[in-house]
Amino acid sequence: MSRSRQSVKRCALLVHLAETTFWLMDVPGLRRVAADAQRLAEAVQRDDLWADASAWAASADVADGNLGEAIDSDRRAIGRAGGIRSFGLARAPLTLYWAGRTGEAVERGAEAVHRARSSGDPAFLLYALQHAGLSLSGAGRYGEAFDAFEEAETFGRRCGSLPLLARALSMSVAPLLSLGDLEGTAMRALEARELAHRVGFEPPIVSAGIDLLLIAARSGDPGRSDSLLPEIARAVRRASGWHAWKWQMRLWQARAELALARNDLNEAVIAASHVIEQSRSRQRVKYQALGLSVRARAQAQRGSKAATRDARDATETARALGDPAVLLNCLDVWRRLESREELLHEAVDTARRIAAAAGRQPSRRRFLAGLPAVITARL
């Protein structure tokens, strides 16, 4: 074998090693291996291997919460590779979604699925479908999101990739939770956790566990979380090497909503303030809006004038995000504080759009049942 072919083979092995260190949640190791792979790919003039190595290096940036740097790196890699052509690059839509760049996330998600279908790589397709579904849910395209997650589940069971299947099941709660289908969310979250426990894959255990905490808060039964909250907090600490910042943020959001459900207003304000601070530093726009919304509700019950400011800021943030479920949540808080016809009109219009896009009848019915009467009366 020639020296050049040996170098290409070694580079490809380094890229595979980078992927392995990623799934082992070894971020320092990932940075070292990905950097070695990038240097060697440059030397052997292999743009495809360089793009894959860059994608895994960007995954280390994501793990550290540097979303902007990861997005810039992904764009360079995708441009050099000529599109999302590999498993590693299929993470790019997820990072865009987390950063609140929903429209671009949907476009990149569709591209990744299209490329994956012709790649012959089952893991690539299963991974891409999950991120496409999450992005579609964030854009309020719930019916399409359900379809993407259903395909991911069917395909995952057929190809036997159980860790990725558990991850897909965990992510598939997104449209259900957005529509207020707490029963459907609980069933899917419990299924994801059971499978993830069975295969020993921690991330879906954590993510689905946080979803169960949110369900307990939003169903008005915060006591259901008493035994689960310490378990999830420990799991988040154990996962400190793998985008723990995101789990910490979601866990603070769950704590804020649980405190509000218990009428512990001081704790709700403190926890929500943590969410707001962390989301601003990490460009996590969705949780900035949700954190402001919870803090506004708690401040309103305390009689603080700061409630209206938080509700206004939450709504303006949600408008920029483009997630209709988050926008409706924030609008509902603001319109309760200020009886302005234009806010009610916007809330009704947003609810109509959500109902039209809800797709499946059980979730649509539960969404409509959970609306305030003043909105339902105008639909």
Protein backbone atom coordinates (compact mmCIF):
# COMPACT_ATOMS: atom_id res chain seq x y z
CA MET A 1 0.00 0.00 0.00
CA SER A 2 1.37 3.42 -0.96
CA ARG A 3 2.13 6.04 1.67
CA SER A 4 -0.67 8.23 0.27
CA ARG A 5 -3.25 5.45 0.60
CA GLN A 6 -2.01 4.71 4.11
CA SER A 7 -2.51 8.37 5.05
CA VAL A 8 -6.06 8.37 3.65
CA LYS A 9 -6.87 5.19 5.57
CA ARG A 10 -5.43 6.63 8.77
CA CYS A 11 -7.44 9.81 8.28
CA ALA A 12 -10.66 7.83 7.81
CA LEU A 13 -9.90 5.86 10.97
CA LEU A 14 -9.33 9.10 12.89
CA VAL A 15 -12.72 10.38 11.72
CA HIS A 16 -14.36 7.17 12.98
CA LEU A 17 -12.45 7.52 16.25
CA ALA A 18 -13.75 11.10 16.58
CA GLU A 19 -17.30 9.79 16.20
CA THR A 20 -16.64 7.16 18.87
CA THR A 21 -15.25 9.68 21.34
CA PHE A 22 -18.34 11.83 20.72
CA TRP A 23 -20.73 9.05 21.70
CA LEU A 24 -18.52 8.25 24.70
CA MET A 25 -19.04 11.90 25.77
CA ASP A 26 -15.26 12.44 25.84
CA VAL A 27 -15.16 16.04 24.63
CA PRO A 28 -11.42 16.70 25.24
CA GLY A 29 -10.60 13.49 23.39
CA LEU A 30 -12.97 14.48 20.60
CA ARG A 31 -11.19 17.80 20.11
CA ARG A 32 -7.77 16.15 19.90
CA VAL A 33 -8.77 13.40 17.49
CA ALA A 34 -10.86 15.69 15.26
CA ALA A 35 -7.98 18.19 15.01
CA ASP A 36 -5.59 15.39 14.00
CA ALA A 37 -8.08 14.19 11.39
CA GLN A 38 -8.50 17.72 9.99
CA ARG A 39 -4.75 18.21 9.62
CA LEU A 40 -4.31 14.87 7.89
CA ALA A 41 -7.31 15.44 5.61
CA GLU A 42 -5.76 18.72 4.49
CA ALA A 43 -2.50 16.95 3.76
CA VAL A 44 -4.14 14.23 1.64
CA GLN A 45 -6.51 16.76 0.01
CA ARG A 46 -9.72 14.93 0.96
CA ASP A 47 -12.50 17.49 1.35
CA ASP A 48 -15.01 14.82 2.43
CA LEU A 49 -12.84 13.63 5.31
CA TRP A 50 -11.98 17.22 6.27
CA ALA A 51 -15.71 18.07 6.38
CA ASP A 52 -16.48 15.07 8.57
CA ALA A 53 -13.60 15.86 10.92
CA SER A 54 -14.79 19.48 11.09
CA ALA A 55 -18.33 18.32 11.89
CA TRP A 56 -17.09 16.30 14.85
CA ALA A 57 -14.93 19.21 16.01
CA ALA A 58 -18.05 21.41 15.84
CA SER A 59 -19.86 18.81 17.96
CA ALA A 60 -17.30 19.57 20.67
CA ASP A 61 -18.20 23.26 20.37
CA VAL A 62 -21.87 22.33 20.76
CA ALA A 63 -21.04 20.27 23.84
CA ASP A 64 -19.43 23.37 25.35
CA GLY A 65 -22.42 25.55 24.42
CA ASN A 66 -20.64 27.51 21.69
CA LEU A 67 -23.48 27.31 19.19
CA GLY A 68 -22.39 30.24 17.04
CA GLU A 69 -18.92 28.78 16.53
CA ALA A 70 -20.38 25.37 15.70
CA ILE A 71 -22.79 26.85 13.16
CA ASP A 72 -19.99 28.76 11.42
CA SER A 73 -17.85 25.62 11.33
CA ASP A 74 -20.74 23.55 9.98
CA ARG A 75 -21.31 26.03 7.17
CA ARG A 76 -17.68 25.81 6.09
CA ALA A 77 -17.77 22.03 6.22
CA ILE A 78 -21.05 21.75 4.31
CA GLY A 79 -19.76 24.14 1.67
CA ARG A 80 -16.57 22.17 1.23
CA ALA A 81 -18.35 18.80 1.15
CA GLY A 82 -21.03 20.04 -1.25
CA GLY A 83 -23.90 19.47 1.17
CA ILE A 84 -24.85 17.34 4.17
CA ARG A 85 -23.41 14.07 2.91
CA SER A 86 -22.56 12.16 6.09
CA PHE A 87 -23.74 11.14 9.54
CA GLY A 88 -21.50 13.69 11.26
CA LEU A 89 -22.80 16.62 9.23
CA ALA A 90 -26.40 15.56 9.92
CA ARG A 91 -26.05 17.16 13.36
CA ALA A 92 -26.01 20.64 11.77
CA PRO A 93 -29.82 21.14 11.67
CA LEU A 94 -30.04 20.32 15.38
CA THR A 95 -27.56 23.07 16.26
CA LEU A 96 -29.49 25.56 14.13
CA TYR A 97 -32.71 24.54 15.91
CA TRP A 98 -31.15 25.03 19.33
CA ALA A 99 -29.91 28.48 18.29
CA GLY A 100 -33.44 29.49 17.25
CA ARG A 101 -32.63 29.59 13.53
CA THR A 102 -35.71 27.54 12.80
CA GLY A 103 -36.19 28.26 9.11
CA GLU A 104 -32.62 27.33 8.26
CA ALA A 105 -32.87 24.25 10.50
CA VAL A 106 -35.91 23.03 8.55
CA GLU A 107 -34.11 23.52 5.23
CA ARG A 108 -30.96 21.76 6.38
CA GLY A 109 -33.02 18.99 7.98
CA ALA A 110 -34.81 18.29 4.70
CA GLU A 111 -31.48 18.28 2.86
CA ALA A 112 -29.96 15.83 5.35
CA VAL A 113 -32.89 13.42 5.01
CA HIS A 114 -32.73 13.62 1.22
CA ARG A 115 -29.00 12.88 1.19
CA ALA A 116 -29.36 10.12 3.78
CA ARG A 117 -31.99 8.25 1.78
CA SER A 118 -29.54 7.71 -1.08
CA SER A 119 -26.49 7.08 1.11
CA GLY A 120 -27.17 3.48 2.07
CA ASP A 121 -26.24 4.38 5.69
CA PRO A 122 -29.11 3.46 8.07
CA ALA A 123 -27.66 5.40 11.00
CA PHE A 124 -27.34 8.53 8.85
CA LEU A 125 -31.02 8.35 7.87
CA LEU A 126 -32.24 7.64 11.40
CA TYR A 127 -30.16 10.51 12.78
CA ALA A 128 -31.30 12.92 10.06
CA LEU A 129 -34.99 12.10 10.50
CA GLN A 130 -34.83 12.97 14.21
CA HIS A 131 -33.38 16.41 13.58
CA ALA A 132 -35.78 17.07 10.72
CA GLY A 133 -38.73 16.19 12.97
CA LEU A 134 -37.52 18.43 15.78
CA SER A 135 -36.97 21.36 13.42
CA LEU A 136 -40.40 20.92 11.83
CA SER A 137 -41.98 20.88 15.28
CA GLY A 138 -40.18 24.10 16.20
CA ALA A 139 -41.56 25.70 13.04
CA GLY A 140 -45.11 24.69 13.96
CA ARG A 141 -45.35 22.09 11.18
CA TYR A 142 -46.63 19.44 13.55
CA GLY A 143 -48.19 17.04 11.07
CA GLU A 144 -44.93 16.84 9.12
CA ALA A 145 -43.00 16.44 12.38
CA PHE A 146 -45.21 13.50 13.38
CA ASP A 147 -44.54 11.90 9.99
CA ALA A 148 -40.77 12.31 10.34
CA PHE A 149 -40.71 10.82 13.83
CA GLU A 150 -43.01 7.97 12.82
CA GLU A 151 -40.66 7.08 9.97
CA ALA A 152 -37.69 7.30 12.34
CA GLU A 153 -39.36 4.96 14.83
CA THR A 154 -40.38 2.44 12.17
CA PHE A 155 -36.97 2.51 10.53
CA GLY A 156 -35.15 2.35 13.87
CA ARG A 157 -37.05 -0.76 14.94
CA ARG A 158 -36.43 -2.40 11.58
CA CYS A 159 -32.69 -1.73 11.48
CA GLY A 160 -32.21 -2.48 15.19
CA SER A 161 -30.27 0.66 16.14
CA LEU A 162 -31.72 0.78 19.66
CA PRO A 163 -29.72 3.69 21.16
CA LEU A 164 -30.65 5.93 18.22
CA LEU A 165 -34.23 4.63 18.41
CA ALA A 166 -34.38 5.63 22.10
CA ARG A 167 -33.08 9.06 21.10
CA ALA A 168 -35.72 9.34 18.36
CA LEU A 169 -38.50 8.39 20.78
CA SER A 170 -37.27 10.99 23.25
CA MET A 171 -37.16 13.74 20.62
CA SER A 172 -40.58 12.76 19.28
CA VAL A 173 -42.26 14.23 22.36
CA ALA A 174 -41.56 17.73 20.96
CA PRO A 175 -44.73 18.19 18.86
CA LEU A 176 -46.84 16.46 21.51
CA LEU A 177 -45.58 18.74 24.27
CA SER A 178 -46.00 21.82 22.08
CA LEU A 179 -49.64 20.89 21.49
CA GLY A 180 -50.29 20.32 25.19
CA ASP A 181 -50.88 16.59 24.66
CA LEU A 182 -49.55 15.66 28.09
CA GLU A 183 -50.94 12.12 27.96
CA GLY A 184 -49.25 11.39 24.65
CA THR A 185 -46.03 13.04 25.83
CA ALA A 186 -45.92 10.94 28.99
CA MET A 187 -46.42 7.69 27.10
CA ARG A 188 -43.67 8.50 24.62
CA ALA A 189 -41.24 9.78 27.30
CA LEU A 190 -41.70 6.67 29.42
CA GLU A 191 -41.15 4.45 26.38
CA ALA A 192 -37.95 6.33 25.52
CA ARG A 193 -36.64 6.02 29.08
CA GLU A 194 -37.43 2.31 29.28
CA LEU A 195 -35.55 1.57 26.05
CA ALA A 196 -32.66 3.86 26.96
CA HIS A 197 -32.30 2.12 30.35
CA ARG A 198 -32.34 -1.25 28.58
CA VAL A 199 -29.48 -0.34 26.23
CA GLY A 200 -27.59 1.81 28.75
CA PHE A 201 -27.79 5.05 26.77
CA GLU A 202 -27.93 8.02 29.14
CA PRO A 203 -29.02 11.01 26.96
CA PRO A 204 -32.65 9.90 26.32
CA ILE A 205 -32.97 8.98 30.00
CA VAL A 206 -32.14 12.57 30.93
CA SER A 207 -34.12 14.30 28.17
CA ALA A 208 -37.27 12.23 28.62
CA GLY A 209 -36.98 12.55 32.38
CA ILE A 210 -37.02 16.35 32.12
CA ASP A 211 -40.10 16.05 29.90
CA LEU A 212 -41.82 14.07 32.66
CA LEU A 213 -40.98 16.86 35.14
CA LEU A 214 -42.56 19.41 32.79
CA ILE A 215 -45.65 17.21 32.47
CA ALA A 216 -45.99 17.08 36.26
CA ALA A 217 -45.85 20.89 36.39
CA ARG A 218 -48.20 21.54 33.48
CA SER A 219 -50.75 18.99 34.65
CA GLY A 220 -50.99 20.76 38.02
CA ASP A 221 -49.59 17.79 39.94
CA PRO A 222 -46.05 18.83 40.92
CA GLY A 223 -45.90 16.17 43.62
CA ARG A 224 -45.44 13.54 40.91
CA SER A 225 -41.93 14.90 40.39
CA ASP A 226 -40.71 14.44 43.97
CA SER A 227 -38.87 11.15 43.38
CA LEU A 228 -37.83 11.88 39.79
CA LEU A 229 -36.25 15.31 40.25
CA PRO A 230 -33.22 14.18 42.31
CA GLU A 231 -32.60 11.30 39.87
CA ILE A 232 -32.59 13.63 36.87
CA ALA A 233 -30.39 16.17 38.62
CA ARG A 234 -27.81 13.45 39.33
CA ALA A 235 -27.97 12.24 35.73
CA VAL A 236 -27.34 15.76 34.42
CA ARG A 237 -24.28 16.06 36.66
CA ARG A 238 -22.96 12.71 35.37
CA ALA A 239 -23.39 13.89 31.78
CA SER A 240 -21.29 17.00 32.32
CA GLY A 241 -19.14 16.22 29.28
CA TRP A 242 -21.94 16.26 26.71
CA HIS A 243 -23.96 19.46 26.21
CA ALA A 244 -24.86 19.41 29.90
CA TRP A 245 -25.54 23.15 29.51
CA LYS A 246 -28.71 22.29 27.56
CA TRP A 247 -29.92 19.77 30.10
CA GLN A 248 -29.13 22.16 32.96
CA MET A 249 -31.17 24.87 31.23
CA ARG A 250 -34.15 22.56 30.67
CA LEU A 251 -33.87 21.28 34.24
CA TRP A 252 -34.00 24.85 35.59
CA GLN A 253 -37.07 25.44 33.40
CA ALA A 254 -38.73 22.36 34.89
CA ARG A 255 -37.83 23.56 38.40
CA ALA A 256 -39.31 26.98 37.64
CA GLU A 257 -42.57 25.50 36.35
CA LEU A 258 -42.80 23.04 39.25
CA ALA A 259 -42.25 25.86 41.76
CA LEU A 260 -44.97 27.92 40.07
CA ALA A 261 -47.34 24.94 40.20
CA ARG A 262 -46.62 24.64 43.94
CA ASN A 263 -47.21 28.40 44.32
CA ASP A 264 -43.63 28.80 45.52
CA LEU A 265 -43.26 32.16 43.79
CA ASN A 266 -39.84 33.12 45.10
CA GLU A 267 -38.36 29.81 43.92
CA ALA A 268 -40.11 30.17 40.57
CA VAL A 269 -38.54 33.60 40.01
CA ILE A 270 -35.08 32.36 41.03
CA ALA A 271 -35.24 29.26 38.82
CA ALA A 272 -36.67 31.17 35.85
CA SER A 273 -33.94 33.79 36.20
CA HIS A 274 -31.35 31.01 35.89
CA VAL A 275 -33.04 29.88 32.66
CA ILE A 276 -33.05 33.41 31.24
CA GLU A 277 -29.40 34.06 32.10
CA GLN A 278 -28.19 30.73 30.71
CA SER A 279 -30.30 30.94 27.55
CA ARG A 280 -29.00 34.40 26.73
CA SER A 281 -25.39 33.31 27.11
CA ARG A 282 -25.97 30.18 24.98
CA GLN A 283 -28.22 31.75 22.30
CA ARG A 284 -31.02 29.34 23.30
CA VAL A 285 -33.88 31.61 22.23
CA LYS A 286 -36.74 29.21 23.00
CA TYR A 287 -35.83 28.92 26.66
CA GLN A 288 -35.22 32.63 26.98
CA ALA A 289 -38.87 33.14 25.99
CA LEU A 290 -40.16 30.31 28.20
CA GLY A 291 -38.10 31.45 31.18
CA LEU A 292 -39.39 35.02 30.83
CA SER A 293 -42.94 33.69 30.56
CA VAL A 294 -42.70 31.73 33.82
CA ARG A 295 -41.03 34.61 35.63
CA ALA A 296 -43.77 36.96 34.40
CA ARG A 297 -46.46 34.66 35.79
CA ALA A 298 -44.70 34.39 39.14
CA GLN A 299 -44.07 38.15 39.31
CA ALA A 300 -47.72 38.83 38.49
CA GLN A 301 -48.88 36.69 41.40
CA ARG A 302 -46.46 38.60 43.65
CA GLY A 303 -47.97 41.85 42.43
CA SER A 304 -44.75 43.06 40.85
CA LYS A 305 -44.80 45.57 38.01
CA ALA A 306 -41.87 43.67 36.51
CA ALA A 307 -44.35 41.04 35.33
CA THR A 308 -45.55 43.10 32.38
CA ARG A 309 -42.03 43.86 31.22
CA ASP A 310 -41.12 40.16 31.34
CA ALA A 311 -44.30 39.19 29.49
CA ARG A 312 -43.61 41.75 26.76
CA ASP A 313 -39.98 40.64 26.42
CA ALA A 314 -41.05 37.00 26.31
CA THR A 315 -43.53 37.69 23.51
CA GLU A 316 -41.07 39.72 21.45
CA THR A 317 -38.48 36.96 21.82
CA ALA A 318 -41.04 34.33 20.80
CA ARG A 319 -42.07 36.35 17.73
CA ALA A 320 -38.46 36.37 16.55
CA LEU A 321 -38.15 32.63 17.23
CA GLY A 322 -41.05 31.65 14.99
CA ASP A 323 -42.30 28.79 17.20
CA PRO A 324 -46.11 29.27 17.38
CA ALA A 325 -46.56 27.18 20.54
CA VAL A 326 -44.00 29.26 22.42
CA LEU A 327 -45.56 32.44 21.04
CA LEU A 328 -49.05 31.43 22.18
CA ASN A 329 -47.72 30.66 25.65
CA CYS A 330 -46.12 34.10 25.93
CA LEU A 331 -49.05 35.96 24.39
CA ASP A 332 -51.43 34.36 26.83
CA VAL A 333 -49.39 35.62 29.78
CA TRP A 334 -49.15 39.16 28.39
CA ARG A 335 -52.81 39.46 27.42
CA ARG A 336 -53.85 38.41 30.94
CA LEU A 337 -51.75 41.27 32.34
CA GLU A 338 -52.87 43.86 29.79
CA SER A 339 -56.37 43.61 28.36
CA ARG A 340 -55.45 44.71 24.86
CA GLU A 341 -57.54 43.58 21.92
CA GLU A 342 -54.55 43.26 19.59
CA LEU A 343 -52.89 40.75 21.92
CA LEU A 344 -56.03 38.63 22.08
CA HIS A 345 -56.39 38.83 18.31
CA GLU A 346 -52.80 37.66 17.83
CA ALA A 347 -53.31 34.82 20.31
CA VAL A 348 -56.45 33.66 18.49
CA ASP A 349 -54.70 33.80 15.13
CA THR A 350 -51.76 31.84 16.51
CA ALA A 351 -54.07 29.23 18.01
CA ARG A 352 -55.81 28.84 14.65
CA ARG A 353 -52.50 28.24 12.90
CA ILE A 354 -51.48 25.66 15.47
CA ALA A 355 -54.80 23.81 15.24
CA ALA A 356 -54.62 23.77 11.43
CA ALA A 357 -51.11 22.29 11.53
CA ALA A 358 -51.72 19.87 14.40
CA GLY A 359 -52.31 16.93 12.12
CA ARG A 360 -53.39 13.99 14.23
CA GLN A 361 -56.81 14.19 15.78
CA PRO A 362 -55.97 13.21 19.42
CA SER A 363 -53.29 15.89 19.72
CA ARG A 364 -55.41 18.49 17.95
CA ARG A 365 -58.35 17.73 20.22
CA ARG A 366 -56.20 18.00 23.35
CA PHE A 367 -54.69 21.25 22.13
CA LEU A 368 -58.14 22.78 21.60
CA ALA A 369 -59.35 21.49 24.97
CA GLY A 370 -56.46 23.19 26.74
CA LEU A 371 -57.07 26.66 25.30
CA PRO A 372 -58.44 29.46 27.49
CA ALA A 373 -62.19 29.96 26.97
CA VAL A 374 -61.70 33.52 25.70
CA ILE A 375 -59.57 32.17 22.83
CA THR A 376 -61.79 29.17 22.11
CA ALA A 377 -64.81 31.45 21.83
CA ARG A 378 -63.18 33.27 18.89
CA LEU A 379 -61.87 30.31 16.94
